[in-house]
Amino acid sequence: MNVSACEIARLLKAENNRVEPVSFIVPRKSELYQDDLYPDAISTIPAMTADEWKEGKNADPDRSFSMAPGFVAAVHPADFHPVLKEEPKAEKPKSEKELKDEIEELKKRVAYLETEIEKRDNQIKQLQGAQ
C-alpha cells in the first residue's frame, strides 16, 4: 500500500481481458503521516517458539512494526525553488609580484607534500617488511 497517499487497501479487479488494480484511498487534507490509519502492524518477530505452540500455549503477536518508514512527503512543483548559482564576482587582476609570490607558496606546498608522500612510502615498506 502507498502510505504516502493514505491508501488503505488495494484490490485486483478481473475483467474480460485484463486485471486492473483498484486503490482505496482515504481523503485527507494533511500531507503528514496518518498514524490513525496505520497502527503498528504485526512484525516478523515470532511471539513464541514452535515448541511452545505445540504445548498449547497462546501469545499475542508482536505488533512493533511501524508503517511510518514507508511514508514519503509529497513535493509540489510550487515548493520547488532551484538554487541559482551566483555570478562570479569580477576580481581585479593580480599584479606580477602577487603571482610570483603565489607560485613560490605553491612550490613550497608541493615540496612539503612530496616529502610527506616519501615518509608514508617508507612507513608502508617498513610495515610490509615486519609481516
N, C-alpha and C. Protein backbone atom coordinates (compact mmCIF):
# COMPACT_ATOMS: atom_id res chain seq x y z
N MET A 1 0.83 -1.18 0.00
CA MET A 1 0.00 0.00 0.00
C MET A 1 0.87 1.24 0.00
N ASN A 2 0.35 2.29 -0.52
CA ASN A 2 1.06 3.57 -0.58
C ASN A 2 0.64 4.41 0.62
N VAL A 3 1.43 4.37 1.70
CA VAL A 3 1.08 5.11 2.90
C VAL A 3 1.20 6.62 2.69
N SER A 4 1.96 7.03 1.69
CA SER A 4 2.10 8.46 1.41
C SER A 4 0.82 9.04 0.82
N ALA A 5 0.01 8.20 0.16
CA ALA A 5 -1.24 8.66 -0.45
C ALA A 5 -2.46 8.26 0.38
N CYS A 6 -2.25 7.76 1.62
CA CYS A 6 -3.32 7.32 2.51
C CYS A 6 -4.13 6.16 1.91
N GLU A 7 -3.46 5.27 1.22
CA GLU A 7 -4.11 4.09 0.65
C GLU A 7 -4.28 3.07 1.76
N ILE A 8 -5.52 2.57 1.93
CA ILE A 8 -5.78 1.61 3.00
C ILE A 8 -6.02 0.20 2.47
N ALA A 9 -6.28 0.06 1.19
CA ALA A 9 -6.48 -1.28 0.60
C ALA A 9 -6.25 -1.19 -0.89
N ARG A 10 -5.86 -2.34 -1.46
CA ARG A 10 -5.69 -2.42 -2.91
C ARG A 10 -6.22 -3.78 -3.35
N LEU A 11 -7.13 -3.77 -4.32
CA LEU A 11 -7.72 -5.00 -4.83
C LEU A 11 -7.41 -5.11 -6.31
N LEU A 12 -7.56 -6.31 -6.83
CA LEU A 12 -7.39 -6.54 -8.26
C LEU A 12 -8.76 -6.86 -8.84
N LYS A 13 -9.18 -6.08 -9.81
CA LYS A 13 -10.48 -6.25 -10.46
C LYS A 13 -10.25 -7.02 -11.76
N ALA A 14 -10.86 -8.20 -11.85
CA ALA A 14 -10.70 -9.04 -13.04
C ALA A 14 -11.75 -8.65 -14.07
N GLU A 15 -11.29 -8.33 -15.27
CA GLU A 15 -12.18 -8.01 -16.38
C GLU A 15 -11.98 -9.07 -17.46
N ASN A 16 -12.67 -8.91 -18.58
CA ASN A 16 -12.61 -9.92 -19.64
C ASN A 16 -11.19 -10.24 -20.09
N ASN A 17 -10.41 -9.21 -20.40
CA ASN A 17 -9.08 -9.45 -20.95
C ASN A 17 -7.96 -8.74 -20.19
N ARG A 18 -8.23 -8.33 -18.96
CA ARG A 18 -7.18 -7.68 -18.17
C ARG A 18 -7.53 -7.70 -16.69
N VAL A 19 -6.53 -7.40 -15.88
CA VAL A 19 -6.69 -7.27 -14.43
C VAL A 19 -6.31 -5.85 -14.07
N GLU A 20 -7.21 -5.16 -13.39
CA GLU A 20 -6.98 -3.74 -13.08
C GLU A 20 -6.88 -3.55 -11.57
N PRO A 21 -5.81 -2.90 -11.09
CA PRO A 21 -5.73 -2.63 -9.65
C PRO A 21 -6.67 -1.50 -9.25
N VAL A 22 -7.32 -1.66 -8.11
CA VAL A 22 -8.22 -0.64 -7.58
C VAL A 22 -7.72 -0.26 -6.20
N SER A 23 -7.43 1.02 -5.99
CA SER A 23 -6.93 1.51 -4.71
C SER A 23 -8.04 2.18 -3.93
N PHE A 24 -8.03 1.95 -2.63
CA PHE A 24 -8.96 2.62 -1.74
C PHE A 24 -8.15 3.62 -0.93
N ILE A 25 -8.44 4.90 -1.16
CA ILE A 25 -7.66 5.98 -0.56
C ILE A 25 -8.57 6.83 0.32
N VAL A 26 -8.12 7.10 1.55
CA VAL A 26 -8.85 7.95 2.47
C VAL A 26 -8.44 9.39 2.19
N PRO A 27 -9.40 10.25 1.82
CA PRO A 27 -9.02 11.65 1.54
C PRO A 27 -8.64 12.38 2.83
N ARG A 28 -7.51 13.02 2.81
CA ARG A 28 -7.02 13.79 3.94
C ARG A 28 -6.45 15.10 3.45
N LYS A 29 -6.64 16.16 4.23
CA LYS A 29 -6.07 17.46 3.88
C LYS A 29 -4.60 17.52 4.26
N SER A 30 -4.25 16.90 5.36
CA SER A 30 -2.88 16.93 5.83
C SER A 30 -2.02 16.02 4.98
N GLU A 31 -0.79 16.44 4.75
CA GLU A 31 0.15 15.63 3.97
C GLU A 31 1.17 14.95 4.88
N LEU A 32 0.86 14.88 6.19
CA LEU A 32 1.73 14.22 7.14
C LEU A 32 1.36 12.74 7.23
N TYR A 33 2.21 11.96 7.89
CA TYR A 33 1.93 10.54 8.09
C TYR A 33 0.68 10.39 8.95
N GLN A 34 -0.24 9.54 8.54
CA GLN A 34 -1.52 9.35 9.23
C GLN A 34 -1.45 8.12 10.13
N ASP A 35 -1.01 8.33 11.38
CA ASP A 35 -0.84 7.18 12.27
C ASP A 35 -2.17 6.56 12.69
N ASP A 36 -3.30 7.30 12.55
CA ASP A 36 -4.59 6.70 12.88
C ASP A 36 -5.03 5.69 11.82
N LEU A 37 -4.56 5.85 10.58
CA LEU A 37 -4.87 4.90 9.52
C LEU A 37 -3.96 3.68 9.55
N TYR A 38 -2.75 3.86 10.05
CA TYR A 38 -1.75 2.80 10.02
C TYR A 38 -1.21 2.53 11.42
N PRO A 39 -1.99 1.80 12.26
CA PRO A 39 -1.44 1.44 13.58
C PRO A 39 -0.28 0.46 13.38
N ASP A 40 0.50 0.26 14.43
CA ASP A 40 1.63 -0.66 14.32
C ASP A 40 1.12 -2.03 13.86
N ALA A 41 1.84 -2.63 12.92
CA ALA A 41 1.45 -3.89 12.32
C ALA A 41 2.20 -5.05 12.98
N ILE A 42 1.79 -6.26 12.64
CA ILE A 42 2.45 -7.46 13.16
C ILE A 42 3.85 -7.53 12.57
N SER A 43 4.83 -7.70 13.44
CA SER A 43 6.22 -7.73 13.00
C SER A 43 6.61 -9.14 12.56
N THR A 44 7.84 -9.28 12.12
CA THR A 44 8.34 -10.59 11.69
C THR A 44 8.94 -11.37 12.85
N ILE A 45 8.90 -10.80 14.05
CA ILE A 45 9.42 -11.48 15.24
C ILE A 45 8.34 -12.41 15.77
N PRO A 46 8.61 -13.71 15.89
CA PRO A 46 7.58 -14.63 16.38
C PRO A 46 7.25 -14.38 17.85
N ALA A 47 5.98 -14.58 18.20
CA ALA A 47 5.54 -14.36 19.58
C ALA A 47 5.94 -15.52 20.47
N MET A 48 6.15 -16.70 19.88
CA MET A 48 6.57 -17.87 20.66
C MET A 48 7.27 -18.85 19.73
N THR A 49 7.89 -19.83 20.32
CA THR A 49 8.59 -20.84 19.54
C THR A 49 7.60 -21.93 19.10
N ALA A 50 8.03 -22.78 18.18
CA ALA A 50 7.19 -23.88 17.72
C ALA A 50 6.90 -24.85 18.86
N ASP A 51 7.89 -25.08 19.72
CA ASP A 51 7.68 -25.98 20.86
C ASP A 51 6.61 -25.44 21.81
N GLU A 52 6.64 -24.13 22.04
CA GLU A 52 5.62 -23.53 22.91
C GLU A 52 4.24 -23.69 22.29
N TRP A 53 4.15 -23.52 20.98
CA TRP A 53 2.87 -23.66 20.29
C TRP A 53 2.37 -25.11 20.38
N LYS A 54 3.30 -26.08 20.23
CA LYS A 54 2.94 -27.49 20.32
C LYS A 54 2.42 -27.83 21.72
N GLU A 55 2.95 -27.15 22.74
CA GLU A 55 2.50 -27.37 24.11
C GLU A 55 1.12 -26.78 24.38
N GLY A 56 0.58 -26.01 23.39
CA GLY A 56 -0.76 -25.45 23.54
C GLY A 56 -0.79 -24.04 24.06
N LYS A 57 0.35 -23.40 24.15
CA LYS A 57 0.39 -22.02 24.64
C LYS A 57 -0.12 -21.07 23.55
N ASN A 58 -0.63 -19.94 23.99
CA ASN A 58 -1.06 -18.87 23.09
C ASN A 58 -0.34 -17.58 23.46
N ALA A 59 -0.08 -16.75 22.47
CA ALA A 59 0.55 -15.45 22.73
C ALA A 59 0.07 -14.47 21.66
N ASP A 60 -0.10 -13.25 22.07
CA ASP A 60 -0.48 -12.21 21.12
C ASP A 60 0.71 -11.91 20.21
N PRO A 61 0.45 -11.62 18.94
CA PRO A 61 1.56 -11.32 18.03
C PRO A 61 2.27 -10.03 18.42
N ASP A 62 3.53 -9.97 18.07
CA ASP A 62 4.33 -8.78 18.33
C ASP A 62 3.92 -7.70 17.34
N ARG A 63 3.42 -6.59 17.83
CA ARG A 63 2.95 -5.50 16.96
C ARG A 63 3.89 -4.30 17.06
N SER A 64 5.13 -4.52 16.72
CA SER A 64 6.11 -3.43 16.82
C SER A 64 6.57 -2.93 15.45
N PHE A 65 5.90 -3.36 14.38
CA PHE A 65 6.30 -2.94 13.04
C PHE A 65 5.52 -1.69 12.65
N SER A 66 6.24 -0.58 12.44
CA SER A 66 5.60 0.68 12.07
C SER A 66 5.61 0.86 10.56
N MET A 67 4.52 1.40 10.04
CA MET A 67 4.43 1.67 8.61
C MET A 67 5.02 3.04 8.27
N ALA A 68 5.38 3.83 9.27
CA ALA A 68 5.87 5.19 9.06
C ALA A 68 7.10 5.28 8.16
N PRO A 69 8.06 4.33 8.22
CA PRO A 69 9.23 4.47 7.33
C PRO A 69 8.88 4.44 5.84
N GLY A 70 7.72 3.92 5.48
CA GLY A 70 7.31 3.92 4.08
C GLY A 70 6.75 5.24 3.61
N PHE A 71 6.53 6.16 4.54
CA PHE A 71 5.95 7.46 4.19
C PHE A 71 7.00 8.37 3.56
N VAL A 72 6.63 8.97 2.43
CA VAL A 72 7.49 9.94 1.76
C VAL A 72 6.66 11.19 1.55
N ALA A 73 7.13 12.30 2.09
CA ALA A 73 6.39 13.56 1.95
C ALA A 73 6.32 13.97 0.49
N ALA A 74 5.17 14.46 0.09
CA ALA A 74 4.96 14.88 -1.30
C ALA A 74 5.71 16.18 -1.58
N VAL A 75 6.24 16.29 -2.77
CA VAL A 75 6.90 17.51 -3.21
C VAL A 75 6.05 18.12 -4.31
N HIS A 76 5.64 19.33 -4.10
CA HIS A 76 4.79 20.00 -5.08
C HIS A 76 5.64 20.92 -5.94
N PRO A 77 5.30 21.03 -7.22
CA PRO A 77 6.09 21.91 -8.09
C PRO A 77 6.18 23.34 -7.57
N ALA A 78 5.15 23.80 -6.87
CA ALA A 78 5.17 25.16 -6.34
C ALA A 78 6.21 25.31 -5.23
N ASP A 79 6.54 24.19 -4.55
CA ASP A 79 7.52 24.22 -3.47
C ASP A 79 8.95 24.15 -3.97
N PHE A 80 9.13 23.89 -5.24
CA PHE A 80 10.46 23.71 -5.80
C PHE A 80 11.09 25.07 -6.09
N HIS A 81 12.23 25.32 -5.48
CA HIS A 81 12.96 26.56 -5.70
C HIS A 81 14.39 26.21 -6.03
N PRO A 82 14.75 26.18 -7.30
CA PRO A 82 16.12 25.80 -7.64
C PRO A 82 17.11 26.84 -7.11
N VAL A 83 18.26 26.34 -6.74
CA VAL A 83 19.31 27.22 -6.26
C VAL A 83 20.05 27.77 -7.47
N LEU A 84 19.98 29.06 -7.61
CA LEU A 84 20.65 29.69 -8.73
C LEU A 84 22.07 30.03 -8.33
N LYS A 85 22.99 29.66 -9.18
CA LYS A 85 24.38 29.98 -8.89
C LYS A 85 24.61 31.47 -9.11
N GLU A 86 25.33 32.02 -8.17
CA GLU A 86 25.64 33.44 -8.28
C GLU A 86 26.70 33.64 -9.35
N GLU A 87 26.59 34.76 -9.99
CA GLU A 87 27.61 35.11 -10.98
C GLU A 87 28.92 35.33 -10.25
N PRO A 88 30.01 34.78 -10.77
CA PRO A 88 31.29 35.01 -10.10
C PRO A 88 31.62 36.50 -10.09
N LYS A 89 32.04 36.93 -8.92
CA LYS A 89 32.39 38.34 -8.80
C LYS A 89 33.71 38.59 -9.53
N ALA A 90 33.73 39.66 -10.26
CA ALA A 90 34.93 40.00 -11.03
C ALA A 90 36.04 40.43 -10.06
N GLU A 91 37.13 39.69 -10.12
CA GLU A 91 38.26 40.04 -9.28
C GLU A 91 39.22 40.90 -10.09
N LYS A 92 39.86 41.81 -9.37
CA LYS A 92 40.82 42.62 -10.10
C LYS A 92 42.03 41.75 -10.42
N PRO A 93 42.63 41.94 -11.53
CA PRO A 93 43.78 41.12 -11.92
C PRO A 93 44.91 41.28 -10.91
N LYS A 94 45.63 40.16 -10.67
CA LYS A 94 46.75 40.19 -9.74
C LYS A 94 47.98 40.78 -10.42
N SER A 95 48.76 41.42 -9.61
CA SER A 95 50.00 42.00 -10.15
C SER A 95 51.02 40.89 -10.37
N GLU A 96 52.08 41.21 -11.08
CA GLU A 96 53.13 40.22 -11.37
C GLU A 96 53.77 39.74 -10.07
N LYS A 97 53.97 40.64 -9.12
CA LYS A 97 54.58 40.27 -7.85
C LYS A 97 53.67 39.31 -7.08
N GLU A 98 52.35 39.58 -7.06
CA GLU A 98 51.41 38.70 -6.36
C GLU A 98 51.41 37.30 -6.99
N LEU A 99 51.47 37.24 -8.31
CA LEU A 99 51.51 35.94 -8.99
C LEU A 99 52.78 35.18 -8.67
N LYS A 100 53.93 35.86 -8.66
CA LYS A 100 55.20 35.21 -8.34
C LYS A 100 55.20 34.71 -6.90
N ASP A 101 54.65 35.50 -5.97
CA ASP A 101 54.55 35.07 -4.57
C ASP A 101 53.67 33.82 -4.45
N GLU A 102 52.57 33.82 -5.19
CA GLU A 102 51.66 32.68 -5.16
C GLU A 102 52.34 31.42 -5.71
N ILE A 103 53.12 31.57 -6.77
CA ILE A 103 53.87 30.45 -7.35
C ILE A 103 54.86 29.90 -6.33
N GLU A 104 55.56 30.78 -5.63
CA GLU A 104 56.52 30.34 -4.62
C GLU A 104 55.83 29.57 -3.49
N GLU A 105 54.68 30.06 -3.05
CA GLU A 105 53.93 29.36 -2.00
C GLU A 105 53.49 27.98 -2.48
N LEU A 106 53.05 27.89 -3.72
CA LEU A 106 52.62 26.60 -4.26
C LEU A 106 53.80 25.64 -4.41
N LYS A 107 54.95 26.14 -4.79
CA LYS A 107 56.13 25.29 -4.90
C LYS A 107 56.51 24.73 -3.53
N LYS A 108 56.44 25.58 -2.49
CA LYS A 108 56.73 25.12 -1.14
C LYS A 108 55.73 24.04 -0.71
N ARG A 109 54.47 24.24 -1.05
CA ARG A 109 53.43 23.26 -0.70
C ARG A 109 53.69 21.93 -1.41
N VAL A 110 54.04 21.96 -2.67
CA VAL A 110 54.33 20.75 -3.43
C VAL A 110 55.53 20.02 -2.82
N ALA A 111 56.58 20.75 -2.47
CA ALA A 111 57.76 20.13 -1.88
C ALA A 111 57.41 19.47 -0.55
N TYR A 112 56.60 20.13 0.25
CA TYR A 112 56.17 19.56 1.54
C TYR A 112 55.38 18.28 1.31
N LEU A 113 54.43 18.31 0.39
CA LEU A 113 53.60 17.13 0.12
C LEU A 113 54.43 15.98 -0.42
N GLU A 114 55.43 16.27 -1.25
CA GLU A 114 56.30 15.21 -1.78
C GLU A 114 57.08 14.55 -0.65
N THR A 115 57.57 15.33 0.32
CA THR A 115 58.29 14.72 1.45
C THR A 115 57.34 13.89 2.31
N GLU A 116 56.11 14.34 2.47
CA GLU A 116 55.13 13.57 3.23
C GLU A 116 54.83 12.24 2.55
N ILE A 117 54.72 12.26 1.23
CA ILE A 117 54.47 11.03 0.48
C ILE A 117 55.65 10.08 0.65
N GLU A 118 56.85 10.61 0.59
CA GLU A 118 58.05 9.78 0.75
C GLU A 118 58.06 9.15 2.15
N LYS A 119 57.71 9.93 3.19
CA LYS A 119 57.66 9.39 4.54
C LYS A 119 56.64 8.25 4.64
N ARG A 120 55.48 8.45 4.06
CA ARG A 120 54.42 7.43 4.10
C ARG A 120 54.86 6.17 3.35
N ASP A 121 55.51 6.36 2.20
CA ASP A 121 56.01 5.20 1.44
C ASP A 121 57.00 4.41 2.27
N ASN A 122 57.89 5.09 2.98
CA ASN A 122 58.87 4.41 3.84
C ASN A 122 58.18 3.67 4.97
N GLN A 123 57.15 4.28 5.57
CA GLN A 123 56.41 3.61 6.63
C GLN A 123 55.72 2.36 6.11
N ILE A 124 55.16 2.44 4.93
CA ILE A 124 54.47 1.29 4.33
C ILE A 124 55.48 0.17 4.09
N LYS A 125 56.67 0.51 3.55
CA LYS A 125 57.69 -0.52 3.30
C LYS A 125 58.12 -1.17 4.60
N GLN A 126 58.27 -0.38 5.67
CA GLN A 126 58.66 -0.94 6.97
C GLN A 126 57.59 -1.88 7.50
N LEU A 127 56.33 -1.49 7.37
CA LEU A 127 55.25 -2.31 7.87
C LEU A 127 55.12 -3.61 7.05
N GLN A 128 55.34 -3.51 5.76
CA GLN A 128 55.28 -4.71 4.93
C GLN A 128 56.43 -5.65 5.24
N GLY A 129 57.59 -5.10 5.56
CA GLY A 129 58.75 -5.92 5.91
C GLY A 129 58.59 -6.57 7.27
N ALA A 130 57.81 -5.96 8.16
CA ALA A 130 57.60 -6.51 9.50
C ALA A 130 56.68 -7.71 9.49
N GLN A 131 55.92 -7.90 8.45
CA GLN A 131 54.97 -9.02 8.40
C GLN A 131 55.63 -10.28 8.10
